[in-house]
Amino acid sequence: MDSRISEPVLGPRSEDTLPASVTTAVKVVIVGGFGVGKTTLVGAVSEIRPLTTEETMTQAGAGVDDIAGVERKTETTVAMDFGRITLSDELVLYLFGTPGQQRFWFLWNGLFEGALGAVVLIDTRRLEDSFDVMCRLEERGVPFVVAINAFPDAPSYPMSELREAMDIPDTVPLIDCDARSRGSSRDALLTLLRYLHTLTTTPPESR
């Protein structure tokens, strides 16, 4: 008889196991500029313990990362965030949050592979950061909705003015969102899914 002590079998926690009833899994990405709340949103809405790749910001990033407006930020995502949310007995969303600094944007290509759509988080203190983000999505043909994240000290503008300033087509949903709130973050994801459904049922010439 082998007298060696058996090593425990490691695996996912029971609460992280995918329900057996799930038949459809959808990948979506959460994108936006530096410090707009992507990691916060994934963490707020994920039903499993989210995977994060946050590292402490150091002096090495000085002069490279634009931290204007988010000077108190001390950590940053260097690869991706990952979470999961089950929307029904059959449907589960896999969430991938992208890094915000442009020096890490080369990772976006891999994160976009297989994604059905994206939620673009916006900080009204740094609207200019959203332009390149939306351009990259449009270039890759990834449908997206735009969510204005609620920062306490951020200026508030009418939705019509924001849509015009960011040149967002009337057909693209533009909504308010509080990335700290599970309910609000979930609503943003549901808005994306409804928009994706609309794209599949509306003739291209009518969009």
N, C-alpha and C. Protein backbone atom coordinates (compact mmCIF):
# COMPACT_ATOMS: atom_id res chain seq x y z
N MET A 1 0.84 -1.20 0.00
CA MET A 1 0.00 0.00 0.00
C MET A 1 0.88 1.24 0.00
N ASP A 2 0.53 2.24 -0.82
CA ASP A 2 1.31 3.46 -0.91
C ASP A 2 1.05 4.28 0.34
N SER A 3 2.13 4.51 1.11
CA SER A 3 1.99 5.21 2.38
C SER A 3 2.08 6.72 2.22
N ARG A 4 2.30 7.17 0.99
CA ARG A 4 2.42 8.62 0.79
C ARG A 4 1.07 9.30 1.02
N ILE A 5 1.13 10.49 1.59
CA ILE A 5 -0.09 11.24 1.86
C ILE A 5 -0.58 11.87 0.56
N SER A 6 -1.83 11.64 0.25
CA SER A 6 -2.39 12.19 -0.98
C SER A 6 -2.53 13.70 -0.87
N GLU A 7 -2.17 14.37 -1.95
CA GLU A 7 -2.33 15.82 -1.99
C GLU A 7 -3.80 16.16 -2.25
N PRO A 8 -4.30 17.20 -1.63
CA PRO A 8 -5.70 17.59 -1.88
C PRO A 8 -5.88 17.99 -3.34
N VAL A 9 -7.05 17.65 -3.87
CA VAL A 9 -7.37 18.02 -5.25
C VAL A 9 -7.87 19.46 -5.26
N LEU A 10 -7.18 20.30 -6.03
CA LEU A 10 -7.55 21.71 -6.09
C LEU A 10 -8.50 21.94 -7.25
N GLY A 11 -9.36 22.87 -7.11
CA GLY A 11 -10.32 23.18 -8.18
C GLY A 11 -11.08 24.43 -7.84
N PRO A 12 -12.06 24.79 -8.64
CA PRO A 12 -12.84 26.01 -8.37
C PRO A 12 -13.67 25.87 -7.11
N ARG A 13 -13.88 26.97 -6.46
CA ARG A 13 -14.78 26.97 -5.31
C ARG A 13 -16.19 26.64 -5.78
N SER A 14 -17.00 26.06 -4.93
CA SER A 14 -18.35 25.65 -5.31
C SER A 14 -19.17 26.83 -5.82
N GLU A 15 -18.96 28.01 -5.23
CA GLU A 15 -19.73 29.17 -5.65
C GLU A 15 -19.27 29.72 -7.00
N ASP A 16 -18.10 29.27 -7.47
CA ASP A 16 -17.59 29.71 -8.77
C ASP A 16 -17.97 28.76 -9.90
N THR A 17 -18.54 27.61 -9.57
CA THR A 17 -18.87 26.62 -10.59
C THR A 17 -20.03 27.11 -11.46
N LEU A 18 -19.89 26.94 -12.76
CA LEU A 18 -20.92 27.38 -13.69
C LEU A 18 -22.16 26.50 -13.54
N PRO A 19 -23.35 27.10 -13.41
CA PRO A 19 -24.59 26.31 -13.27
C PRO A 19 -24.77 25.35 -14.45
N ALA A 20 -25.25 24.15 -14.18
CA ALA A 20 -25.40 23.14 -15.22
C ALA A 20 -26.44 23.53 -16.26
N SER A 21 -27.34 24.44 -15.91
CA SER A 21 -28.41 24.82 -16.83
C SER A 21 -27.95 25.77 -17.93
N VAL A 22 -26.75 26.36 -17.78
CA VAL A 22 -26.27 27.36 -18.74
C VAL A 22 -26.01 26.71 -20.10
N THR A 23 -26.59 27.29 -21.14
CA THR A 23 -26.39 26.78 -22.50
C THR A 23 -25.70 27.79 -23.41
N THR A 24 -25.68 29.08 -23.00
CA THR A 24 -25.09 30.12 -23.84
C THR A 24 -24.17 31.00 -23.01
N ALA A 25 -22.94 31.20 -23.50
CA ALA A 25 -21.98 32.08 -22.85
C ALA A 25 -21.61 33.19 -23.83
N VAL A 26 -21.64 34.41 -23.37
CA VAL A 26 -21.36 35.57 -24.20
C VAL A 26 -20.20 36.35 -23.61
N LYS A 27 -19.26 36.75 -24.46
CA LYS A 27 -18.12 37.53 -24.02
C LYS A 27 -18.35 39.00 -24.36
N VAL A 28 -18.21 39.87 -23.35
CA VAL A 28 -18.28 41.30 -23.58
C VAL A 28 -17.06 41.95 -22.93
N VAL A 29 -16.68 43.11 -23.43
CA VAL A 29 -15.52 43.82 -22.88
C VAL A 29 -15.97 45.14 -22.29
N ILE A 30 -15.28 45.55 -21.24
CA ILE A 30 -15.50 46.83 -20.59
C ILE A 30 -14.28 47.68 -20.91
N VAL A 31 -14.48 48.75 -21.65
CA VAL A 31 -13.35 49.55 -22.12
C VAL A 31 -13.51 50.99 -21.68
N GLY A 32 -12.42 51.74 -21.82
CA GLY A 32 -12.44 53.15 -21.45
C GLY A 32 -11.04 53.63 -21.17
N GLY A 33 -10.91 54.90 -20.96
CA GLY A 33 -9.61 55.49 -20.67
C GLY A 33 -9.11 55.12 -19.28
N PHE A 34 -8.00 55.69 -18.93
CA PHE A 34 -7.34 55.42 -17.65
C PHE A 34 -8.19 55.95 -16.50
N GLY A 35 -8.48 55.07 -15.53
CA GLY A 35 -9.15 55.50 -14.31
C GLY A 35 -10.63 55.77 -14.43
N VAL A 36 -11.31 55.20 -15.45
CA VAL A 36 -12.74 55.50 -15.61
C VAL A 36 -13.63 54.56 -14.80
N GLY A 37 -13.07 53.50 -14.21
CA GLY A 37 -13.88 52.62 -13.36
C GLY A 37 -14.13 51.24 -13.90
N LYS A 38 -13.32 50.77 -14.83
CA LYS A 38 -13.53 49.44 -15.43
C LYS A 38 -13.37 48.33 -14.40
N THR A 39 -12.30 48.38 -13.63
CA THR A 39 -12.08 47.37 -12.60
C THR A 39 -13.19 47.41 -11.55
N THR A 40 -13.63 48.62 -11.21
CA THR A 40 -14.70 48.78 -10.23
C THR A 40 -15.98 48.14 -10.73
N LEU A 41 -16.32 48.36 -12.00
CA LEU A 41 -17.56 47.80 -12.56
C LEU A 41 -17.51 46.28 -12.57
N VAL A 42 -16.42 45.71 -13.04
CA VAL A 42 -16.31 44.25 -13.09
C VAL A 42 -16.43 43.67 -11.68
N GLY A 43 -15.76 44.30 -10.72
CA GLY A 43 -15.82 43.81 -9.35
C GLY A 43 -17.19 43.94 -8.73
N ALA A 44 -17.92 45.01 -9.10
CA ALA A 44 -19.24 45.24 -8.51
C ALA A 44 -20.27 44.25 -9.02
N VAL A 45 -20.17 43.88 -10.29
CA VAL A 45 -21.23 43.08 -10.90
C VAL A 45 -20.92 41.58 -10.93
N SER A 46 -19.66 41.21 -10.82
CA SER A 46 -19.29 39.80 -10.96
C SER A 46 -19.83 38.95 -9.81
N GLU A 47 -20.39 37.80 -10.16
CA GLU A 47 -20.91 36.89 -9.14
C GLU A 47 -19.83 35.97 -8.58
N ILE A 48 -18.70 35.93 -9.25
CA ILE A 48 -17.55 35.18 -8.75
C ILE A 48 -16.49 36.18 -8.31
N ARG A 49 -15.52 35.69 -7.56
CA ARG A 49 -14.42 36.56 -7.16
C ARG A 49 -13.68 36.99 -8.42
N PRO A 50 -13.66 38.29 -8.74
CA PRO A 50 -13.07 38.71 -10.01
C PRO A 50 -11.56 38.53 -10.04
N LEU A 51 -11.06 38.25 -11.24
CA LEU A 51 -9.63 38.22 -11.46
C LEU A 51 -9.19 39.62 -11.84
N THR A 52 -8.22 40.16 -11.15
CA THR A 52 -7.70 41.47 -11.48
C THR A 52 -6.19 41.39 -11.64
N THR A 53 -5.65 42.31 -12.40
CA THR A 53 -4.19 42.37 -12.60
C THR A 53 -3.71 43.77 -12.25
N GLU A 54 -4.20 44.28 -11.14
CA GLU A 54 -3.81 45.63 -10.72
C GLU A 54 -2.44 45.61 -10.05
N GLU A 55 -1.64 46.59 -10.41
CA GLU A 55 -0.33 46.76 -9.81
C GLU A 55 -0.22 48.19 -9.29
N THR A 56 0.62 48.36 -8.28
CA THR A 56 0.84 49.69 -7.71
C THR A 56 1.55 50.58 -8.72
N MET A 57 1.02 51.77 -8.88
CA MET A 57 1.65 52.74 -9.79
C MET A 57 2.94 53.24 -9.16
N THR A 58 4.00 53.33 -9.96
CA THR A 58 5.31 53.74 -9.48
C THR A 58 5.80 54.95 -10.25
N GLN A 59 6.95 55.43 -9.85
CA GLN A 59 7.56 56.58 -10.50
C GLN A 59 7.91 56.29 -11.95
N ALA A 60 8.01 54.99 -12.31
CA ALA A 60 8.35 54.62 -13.68
C ALA A 60 7.30 55.09 -14.68
N GLY A 61 6.06 55.28 -14.20
CA GLY A 61 5.00 55.72 -15.09
C GLY A 61 4.91 57.23 -15.21
N ALA A 62 5.71 57.96 -14.42
CA ALA A 62 5.68 59.41 -14.47
C ALA A 62 6.11 59.89 -15.85
N GLY A 63 5.34 60.81 -16.40
CA GLY A 63 5.66 61.33 -17.72
C GLY A 63 5.18 60.44 -18.85
N VAL A 64 4.69 59.22 -18.51
CA VAL A 64 4.18 58.29 -19.51
C VAL A 64 2.66 58.22 -19.44
N ASP A 65 2.14 58.02 -18.23
CA ASP A 65 0.69 57.94 -18.03
C ASP A 65 0.14 59.31 -17.67
N ASP A 66 -0.94 59.69 -18.35
CA ASP A 66 -1.61 60.95 -18.07
C ASP A 66 -2.60 60.73 -16.93
N ILE A 67 -2.28 61.26 -15.74
CA ILE A 67 -3.13 61.04 -14.58
C ILE A 67 -3.91 62.30 -14.21
N ALA A 68 -3.97 63.26 -15.11
CA ALA A 68 -4.73 64.48 -14.85
C ALA A 68 -6.18 64.13 -14.57
N GLY A 69 -6.67 64.58 -13.43
CA GLY A 69 -8.05 64.30 -13.05
C GLY A 69 -8.20 63.07 -12.18
N VAL A 70 -7.19 62.21 -12.14
CA VAL A 70 -7.24 61.01 -11.30
C VAL A 70 -5.93 60.88 -10.51
N GLU A 71 -5.47 62.00 -9.99
CA GLU A 71 -4.17 62.03 -9.32
C GLU A 71 -4.10 61.12 -8.10
N ARG A 72 -5.25 60.82 -7.48
CA ARG A 72 -5.26 60.00 -6.26
C ARG A 72 -5.24 58.50 -6.57
N LYS A 73 -5.28 58.15 -7.82
CA LYS A 73 -5.27 56.72 -8.19
C LYS A 73 -3.90 56.14 -7.88
N THR A 74 -3.86 55.00 -7.18
CA THR A 74 -2.59 54.40 -6.76
C THR A 74 -2.31 53.05 -7.42
N GLU A 75 -3.33 52.44 -8.04
CA GLU A 75 -3.15 51.15 -8.71
C GLU A 75 -3.72 51.22 -10.12
N THR A 76 -3.22 50.35 -10.98
CA THR A 76 -3.68 50.35 -12.36
C THR A 76 -3.68 48.94 -12.93
N THR A 77 -4.61 48.66 -13.83
CA THR A 77 -4.70 47.35 -14.49
C THR A 77 -3.63 47.26 -15.56
N VAL A 78 -2.85 46.19 -15.53
CA VAL A 78 -1.75 46.04 -16.49
C VAL A 78 -2.02 44.94 -17.51
N ALA A 79 -3.07 44.17 -17.35
CA ALA A 79 -3.41 43.13 -18.33
C ALA A 79 -4.91 43.11 -18.60
N MET A 80 -5.68 42.68 -17.61
CA MET A 80 -7.13 42.65 -17.78
C MET A 80 -7.80 42.39 -16.44
N ASP A 81 -9.11 42.63 -16.43
CA ASP A 81 -9.97 42.18 -15.33
C ASP A 81 -10.90 41.12 -15.91
N PHE A 82 -11.32 40.20 -15.06
CA PHE A 82 -12.23 39.15 -15.54
C PHE A 82 -13.28 38.87 -14.49
N GLY A 83 -14.53 38.77 -14.94
CA GLY A 83 -15.62 38.43 -14.04
C GLY A 83 -16.70 37.68 -14.79
N ARG A 84 -17.74 37.29 -14.06
CA ARG A 84 -18.84 36.54 -14.67
C ARG A 84 -20.15 36.93 -14.01
N ILE A 85 -21.21 37.00 -14.82
CA ILE A 85 -22.53 37.26 -14.28
C ILE A 85 -23.54 36.40 -15.03
N THR A 86 -24.37 35.69 -14.29
CA THR A 86 -25.42 34.86 -14.87
C THR A 86 -26.69 35.69 -14.96
N LEU A 87 -27.19 35.89 -16.17
CA LEU A 87 -28.39 36.72 -16.37
C LEU A 87 -29.67 35.91 -16.37
N SER A 88 -29.58 34.62 -16.65
CA SER A 88 -30.75 33.73 -16.61
C SER A 88 -30.24 32.32 -16.40
N ASP A 89 -31.15 31.36 -16.32
CA ASP A 89 -30.74 29.97 -16.14
C ASP A 89 -29.88 29.48 -17.31
N GLU A 90 -30.08 30.09 -18.48
CA GLU A 90 -29.38 29.62 -19.68
C GLU A 90 -28.24 30.53 -20.13
N LEU A 91 -28.23 31.81 -19.71
CA LEU A 91 -27.29 32.79 -20.28
C LEU A 91 -26.32 33.32 -19.24
N VAL A 92 -25.04 33.28 -19.58
CA VAL A 92 -24.00 33.82 -18.71
C VAL A 92 -23.12 34.77 -19.52
N LEU A 93 -22.71 35.87 -18.87
CA LEU A 93 -21.80 36.82 -19.50
C LEU A 93 -20.42 36.67 -18.89
N TYR A 94 -19.41 36.60 -19.75
CA TYR A 94 -18.03 36.68 -19.30
C TYR A 94 -17.55 38.10 -19.55
N LEU A 95 -17.05 38.76 -18.53
CA LEU A 95 -16.67 40.17 -18.61
C LEU A 95 -15.16 40.30 -18.63
N PHE A 96 -14.66 41.05 -19.58
CA PHE A 96 -13.23 41.31 -19.68
C PHE A 96 -13.00 42.82 -19.65
N GLY A 97 -12.34 43.30 -18.61
CA GLY A 97 -12.01 44.71 -18.51
C GLY A 97 -10.63 44.97 -19.09
N THR A 98 -10.50 45.99 -19.92
CA THR A 98 -9.23 46.28 -20.58
C THR A 98 -8.39 47.24 -19.76
N PRO A 99 -7.07 47.22 -19.94
CA PRO A 99 -6.21 48.23 -19.31
C PRO A 99 -6.46 49.59 -19.95
N GLY A 100 -6.32 50.65 -19.17
CA GLY A 100 -6.65 51.97 -19.66
C GLY A 100 -5.52 52.74 -20.32
N GLN A 101 -4.28 52.55 -19.83
CA GLN A 101 -3.18 53.33 -20.40
C GLN A 101 -2.87 52.89 -21.82
N GLN A 102 -2.56 53.83 -22.67
CA GLN A 102 -2.32 53.52 -24.06
C GLN A 102 -1.12 52.60 -24.24
N ARG A 103 -0.16 52.61 -23.33
CA ARG A 103 1.00 51.73 -23.49
C ARG A 103 0.64 50.25 -23.33
N PHE A 104 -0.57 49.98 -22.80
CA PHE A 104 -1.03 48.60 -22.68
C PHE A 104 -2.10 48.25 -23.70
N TRP A 105 -2.40 49.15 -24.62
CA TRP A 105 -3.49 48.91 -25.56
C TRP A 105 -3.19 47.79 -26.55
N PHE A 106 -1.94 47.38 -26.68
CA PHE A 106 -1.63 46.25 -27.57
C PHE A 106 -2.33 44.98 -27.09
N LEU A 107 -2.70 44.94 -25.81
CA LEU A 107 -3.41 43.77 -25.27
C LEU A 107 -4.87 43.74 -25.69
N TRP A 108 -5.41 44.86 -26.17
CA TRP A 108 -6.82 44.93 -26.51
C TRP A 108 -7.18 43.97 -27.63
N ASN A 109 -6.28 43.80 -28.59
CA ASN A 109 -6.60 42.95 -29.74
C ASN A 109 -7.02 41.56 -29.31
N GLY A 110 -6.27 40.98 -28.39
CA GLY A 110 -6.62 39.65 -27.90
C GLY A 110 -7.90 39.64 -27.10
N LEU A 111 -8.13 40.69 -26.31
CA LEU A 111 -9.35 40.75 -25.50
C LEU A 111 -10.58 40.94 -26.35
N PHE A 112 -10.44 41.58 -27.50
CA PHE A 112 -11.58 41.78 -28.39
C PHE A 112 -11.99 40.53 -29.15
N GLU A 113 -11.08 39.56 -29.27
CA GLU A 113 -11.38 38.35 -30.05
C GLU A 113 -12.59 37.63 -29.46
N GLY A 114 -13.61 37.42 -30.28
CA GLY A 114 -14.79 36.69 -29.84
C GLY A 114 -15.79 37.50 -29.04
N ALA A 115 -15.50 38.80 -28.82
CA ALA A 115 -16.42 39.63 -28.04
C ALA A 115 -17.60 40.06 -28.91
N LEU A 116 -18.82 39.94 -28.37
CA LEU A 116 -20.00 40.36 -29.11
C LEU A 116 -20.23 41.86 -29.02
N GLY A 117 -19.73 42.48 -27.98
CA GLY A 117 -19.95 43.92 -27.83
C GLY A 117 -19.16 44.46 -26.66
N ALA A 118 -19.30 45.78 -26.45
CA ALA A 118 -18.51 46.44 -25.41
C ALA A 118 -19.34 47.51 -24.71
N VAL A 119 -19.00 47.75 -23.46
CA VAL A 119 -19.49 48.90 -22.71
C VAL A 119 -18.33 49.88 -22.60
N VAL A 120 -18.51 51.09 -23.12
CA VAL A 120 -17.49 52.14 -23.03
C VAL A 120 -17.81 53.01 -21.83
N LEU A 121 -16.93 52.98 -20.82
CA LEU A 121 -17.13 53.83 -19.64
C LEU A 121 -16.50 55.20 -19.90
N ILE A 122 -17.21 56.24 -19.49
CA ILE A 122 -16.78 57.61 -19.73
C ILE A 122 -16.68 58.37 -18.41
N ASP A 123 -15.63 59.15 -18.27
CA ASP A 123 -15.47 60.08 -17.16
C ASP A 123 -15.58 61.49 -17.76
N THR A 124 -16.58 62.26 -17.35
CA THR A 124 -16.81 63.57 -17.97
C THR A 124 -15.68 64.56 -17.67
N ARG A 125 -14.79 64.23 -16.74
CA ARG A 125 -13.63 65.09 -16.50
C ARG A 125 -12.55 64.89 -17.56
N ARG A 126 -12.67 63.76 -18.30
CA ARG A 126 -11.65 63.42 -19.29
C ARG A 126 -12.32 62.88 -20.56
N LEU A 127 -13.23 63.65 -21.10
CA LEU A 127 -13.97 63.20 -22.27
C LEU A 127 -13.06 62.84 -23.44
N GLU A 128 -11.95 63.56 -23.58
CA GLU A 128 -11.07 63.33 -24.73
C GLU A 128 -10.50 61.92 -24.75
N ASP A 129 -10.44 61.27 -23.58
CA ASP A 129 -9.91 59.90 -23.53
C ASP A 129 -10.80 58.90 -24.24
N SER A 130 -12.07 59.28 -24.44
CA SER A 130 -13.02 58.34 -25.04
C SER A 130 -12.91 58.26 -26.56
N PHE A 131 -12.34 59.28 -27.18
CA PHE A 131 -12.34 59.33 -28.64
C PHE A 131 -11.57 58.18 -29.26
N ASP A 132 -10.34 57.97 -28.82
CA ASP A 132 -9.52 56.89 -29.38
C ASP A 132 -10.13 55.53 -29.06
N VAL A 133 -10.73 55.42 -27.88
CA VAL A 133 -11.35 54.15 -27.48
C VAL A 133 -12.47 53.76 -28.44
N MET A 134 -13.37 54.70 -28.71
CA MET A 134 -14.49 54.41 -29.61
C MET A 134 -14.02 54.21 -31.04
N CYS A 135 -12.98 54.92 -31.45
CA CYS A 135 -12.43 54.73 -32.80
C CYS A 135 -11.90 53.31 -32.97
N ARG A 136 -11.23 52.79 -31.95
CA ARG A 136 -10.69 51.43 -32.03
C ARG A 136 -11.81 50.40 -32.14
N LEU A 137 -12.89 50.62 -31.40
CA LEU A 137 -14.02 49.70 -31.48
C LEU A 137 -14.67 49.75 -32.86
N GLU A 138 -14.83 50.95 -33.39
CA GLU A 138 -15.44 51.10 -34.71
C GLU A 138 -14.57 50.45 -35.78
N GLU A 139 -13.24 50.62 -35.67
CA GLU A 139 -12.33 50.02 -36.64
C GLU A 139 -12.42 48.50 -36.64
N ARG A 140 -12.64 47.92 -35.46
CA ARG A 140 -12.73 46.46 -35.36
C ARG A 140 -14.15 45.95 -35.56
N GLY A 141 -15.12 46.86 -35.73
CA GLY A 141 -16.50 46.45 -35.93
C GLY A 141 -17.14 45.87 -34.70
N VAL A 142 -16.72 46.32 -33.50
CA VAL A 142 -17.30 45.84 -32.25
C VAL A 142 -18.41 46.80 -31.82
N PRO A 143 -19.67 46.34 -31.77
CA PRO A 143 -20.76 47.21 -31.33
C PRO A 143 -20.56 47.61 -29.86
N PHE A 144 -21.00 48.82 -29.52
CA PHE A 144 -20.81 49.26 -28.14
C PHE A 144 -21.93 50.20 -27.71
N VAL A 145 -22.09 50.29 -26.39
CA VAL A 145 -22.93 51.32 -25.77
C VAL A 145 -22.00 52.17 -24.91
N VAL A 146 -22.45 53.37 -24.60
CA VAL A 146 -21.63 54.32 -23.84
C VAL A 146 -22.29 54.59 -22.50
N ALA A 147 -21.53 54.43 -21.42
CA ALA A 147 -22.05 54.63 -20.07
C ALA A 147 -21.24 55.72 -19.37
N ILE A 148 -21.93 56.75 -18.91
CA ILE A 148 -21.29 57.86 -18.19
C ILE A 148 -21.18 57.48 -16.72
N ASN A 149 -19.96 57.23 -16.26
CA ASN A 149 -19.76 56.80 -14.88
C ASN A 149 -19.93 57.98 -13.93
N ALA A 150 -20.57 57.72 -12.81
CA ALA A 150 -20.92 58.79 -11.86
C ALA A 150 -19.80 59.02 -10.86
N PHE A 151 -18.93 59.99 -11.14
CA PHE A 151 -17.92 60.40 -10.17
C PHE A 151 -18.45 61.62 -9.42
N PRO A 152 -18.29 61.64 -8.08
CA PRO A 152 -18.87 62.72 -7.28
C PRO A 152 -18.44 64.12 -7.71
N ASP A 153 -17.19 64.28 -8.13
CA ASP A 153 -16.69 65.61 -8.46
C ASP A 153 -16.65 65.88 -9.96
N ALA A 154 -17.30 65.01 -10.75
CA ALA A 154 -17.28 65.17 -12.20
C ALA A 154 -18.41 66.12 -12.64
N PRO A 155 -18.14 66.95 -13.64
CA PRO A 155 -19.21 67.85 -14.13
C PRO A 155 -20.31 67.05 -14.81
N SER A 156 -21.53 67.57 -14.72
CA SER A 156 -22.69 66.92 -15.33
C SER A 156 -23.17 67.73 -16.52
N TYR A 157 -23.47 67.03 -17.62
CA TYR A 157 -23.93 67.68 -18.83
C TYR A 157 -25.18 66.97 -19.33
N PRO A 158 -26.04 67.68 -20.06
CA PRO A 158 -27.19 67.02 -20.68
C PRO A 158 -26.71 65.94 -21.65
N MET A 159 -27.46 64.86 -21.74
CA MET A 159 -27.07 63.76 -22.60
C MET A 159 -26.92 64.21 -24.06
N SER A 160 -27.78 65.13 -24.48
CA SER A 160 -27.71 65.60 -25.86
C SER A 160 -26.38 66.29 -26.14
N GLU A 161 -25.88 67.05 -25.16
CA GLU A 161 -24.60 67.74 -25.34
C GLU A 161 -23.45 66.74 -25.36
N LEU A 162 -23.51 65.72 -24.49
CA LEU A 162 -22.47 64.71 -24.46
C LEU A 162 -22.45 63.92 -25.77
N ARG A 163 -23.61 63.57 -26.27
CA ARG A 163 -23.69 62.83 -27.52
C ARG A 163 -23.07 63.63 -28.67
N GLU A 164 -23.35 64.93 -28.69
CA GLU A 164 -22.81 65.78 -29.75
C GLU A 164 -21.30 65.95 -29.58
N ALA A 165 -20.85 66.17 -28.34
CA ALA A 165 -19.43 66.40 -28.09
C ALA A 165 -18.59 65.19 -28.45
N MET A 166 -19.13 63.98 -28.21
CA MET A 166 -18.38 62.76 -28.49
C MET A 166 -18.73 62.16 -29.84
N ASP A 167 -19.62 62.83 -30.57
CA ASP A 167 -20.02 62.39 -31.91
C ASP A 167 -20.54 60.95 -31.88
N ILE A 168 -21.45 60.68 -30.93
CA ILE A 168 -22.04 59.36 -30.80
C ILE A 168 -23.30 59.29 -31.65
N PRO A 169 -23.41 58.34 -32.55
CA PRO A 169 -24.62 58.23 -33.39
C PRO A 169 -25.88 58.09 -32.53
N ASP A 170 -26.99 58.59 -33.04
CA ASP A 170 -28.25 58.53 -32.30
C ASP A 170 -28.67 57.10 -32.00
N THR A 171 -28.24 56.16 -32.82
CA THR A 171 -28.64 54.77 -32.64
C THR A 171 -27.88 54.07 -31.52
N VAL A 172 -26.76 54.64 -31.08
CA VAL A 172 -25.94 54.03 -30.03
C VAL A 172 -26.45 54.48 -28.67
N PRO A 173 -26.84 53.55 -27.78
CA PRO A 173 -27.33 53.93 -26.46
C PRO A 173 -26.30 54.69 -25.64
N LEU A 174 -26.75 55.75 -24.98
CA LEU A 174 -25.93 56.56 -24.08
C LEU A 174 -26.67 56.63 -22.75
N ILE A 175 -26.05 56.11 -21.69
CA ILE A 175 -26.76 55.97 -20.41
C ILE A 175 -25.88 56.46 -19.26
N ASP A 176 -26.52 56.73 -18.12
CA ASP A 176 -25.81 56.99 -16.87
C ASP A 176 -25.48 55.66 -16.20
N CYS A 177 -24.39 55.64 -15.44
CA CYS A 177 -23.99 54.41 -14.75
C CYS A 177 -23.19 54.76 -13.51
N ASP A 178 -23.38 53.98 -12.46
CA ASP A 178 -22.54 54.07 -11.27
C ASP A 178 -21.79 52.74 -11.16
N ALA A 179 -20.52 52.74 -11.53
CA ALA A 179 -19.74 51.50 -11.58
C ALA A 179 -19.60 50.85 -10.22
N ARG A 180 -19.86 51.58 -9.16
CA ARG A 180 -19.76 51.01 -7.82
C ARG A 180 -20.98 50.18 -7.46
N SER A 181 -22.07 50.39 -8.20
CA SER A 181 -23.35 49.75 -7.90
C SER A 181 -23.55 48.50 -8.74
N ARG A 182 -23.84 47.39 -8.10
CA ARG A 182 -24.11 46.15 -8.83
C ARG A 182 -25.32 46.31 -9.75
N GLY A 183 -26.38 46.93 -9.23
CA GLY A 183 -27.59 47.09 -10.02
C GLY A 183 -27.37 47.98 -11.23
N SER A 184 -26.69 49.10 -11.03
CA SER A 184 -26.44 50.02 -12.13
C SER A 184 -25.52 49.40 -13.17
N SER A 185 -24.50 48.68 -12.73
CA SER A 185 -23.58 48.02 -13.65
C SER A 185 -24.30 46.93 -14.44
N ARG A 186 -25.17 46.20 -13.76
CA ARG A 186 -25.94 45.17 -14.44
C ARG A 186 -26.85 45.79 -15.50
N ASP A 187 -27.45 46.94 -15.18
CA ASP A 187 -28.31 47.63 -16.15
C ASP A 187 -27.52 48.03 -17.39
N ALA A 188 -26.28 48.44 -17.21
CA ALA A 188 -25.44 48.81 -18.36
C ALA A 188 -25.20 47.60 -19.26
N LEU A 189 -24.96 46.45 -18.66
CA LEU A 189 -24.76 45.23 -19.44
C LEU A 189 -26.04 44.81 -20.16
N LEU A 190 -27.17 44.95 -19.48
CA LEU A 190 -28.45 44.62 -20.12
C LEU A 190 -28.74 45.58 -21.28
N THR A 191 -28.36 46.85 -21.13
CA THR A 191 -28.52 47.80 -22.23
C THR A 191 -27.72 47.35 -23.44
N LEU A 192 -26.50 46.88 -23.20
CA LEU A 192 -25.68 46.36 -24.31
C LEU A 192 -26.34 45.17 -24.97
N LEU A 193 -26.85 44.23 -24.19
CA LEU A 193 -27.48 43.05 -24.78
C LEU A 193 -28.72 43.41 -25.58
N ARG A 194 -29.51 44.35 -25.07
CA ARG A 194 -30.68 44.79 -25.83
C ARG A 194 -30.28 45.45 -27.14
N TYR A 195 -29.20 46.22 -27.10
CA TYR A 195 -28.71 46.88 -28.30
C TYR A 195 -28.21 45.84 -29.31
N LEU A 196 -27.49 44.84 -28.83
CA LEU A 196 -27.01 43.78 -29.72
C LEU A 196 -28.18 43.04 -30.36
N HIS A 197 -29.22 42.82 -29.58
CA HIS A 197 -30.41 42.16 -30.12
C HIS A 197 -31.04 43.02 -31.21
N THR A 198 -31.09 44.33 -30.99
CA THR A 198 -31.64 45.24 -31.98
C THR A 198 -30.86 45.16 -33.30
N LEU A 199 -29.53 45.06 -33.18
CA LEU A 199 -28.69 44.99 -34.39
C LEU A 199 -28.96 43.73 -35.19
N THR A 200 -29.36 42.67 -34.52
CA THR A 200 -29.62 41.42 -35.24
C THR A 200 -31.01 41.36 -35.86
N THR A 201 -31.89 42.27 -35.41
CA THR A 201 -33.27 42.22 -35.91
C THR A 201 -33.65 43.42 -36.77
N THR A 202 -32.74 44.41 -36.85
CA THR A 202 -33.02 45.62 -37.64
C THR A 202 -32.19 45.61 -38.92
N PRO A 203 -32.81 45.81 -40.08
CA PRO A 203 -32.05 45.87 -41.34
C PRO A 203 -30.98 46.96 -41.27
N PRO A 204 -29.79 46.72 -41.85
CA PRO A 204 -28.70 47.70 -41.79
C PRO A 204 -29.10 49.09 -42.27
N GLU A 205 -29.94 49.18 -43.29
CA GLU A 205 -30.32 50.49 -43.84
C GLU A 205 -31.21 51.27 -42.89
N SER A 206 -31.77 50.59 -41.86
CA SER A 206 -32.67 51.26 -40.92
C SER A 206 -31.97 51.69 -39.65
N ARG A 207 -30.68 51.34 -39.50
CA ARG A 207 -29.97 51.66 -38.25
C ARG A 207 -29.50 53.10 -38.26
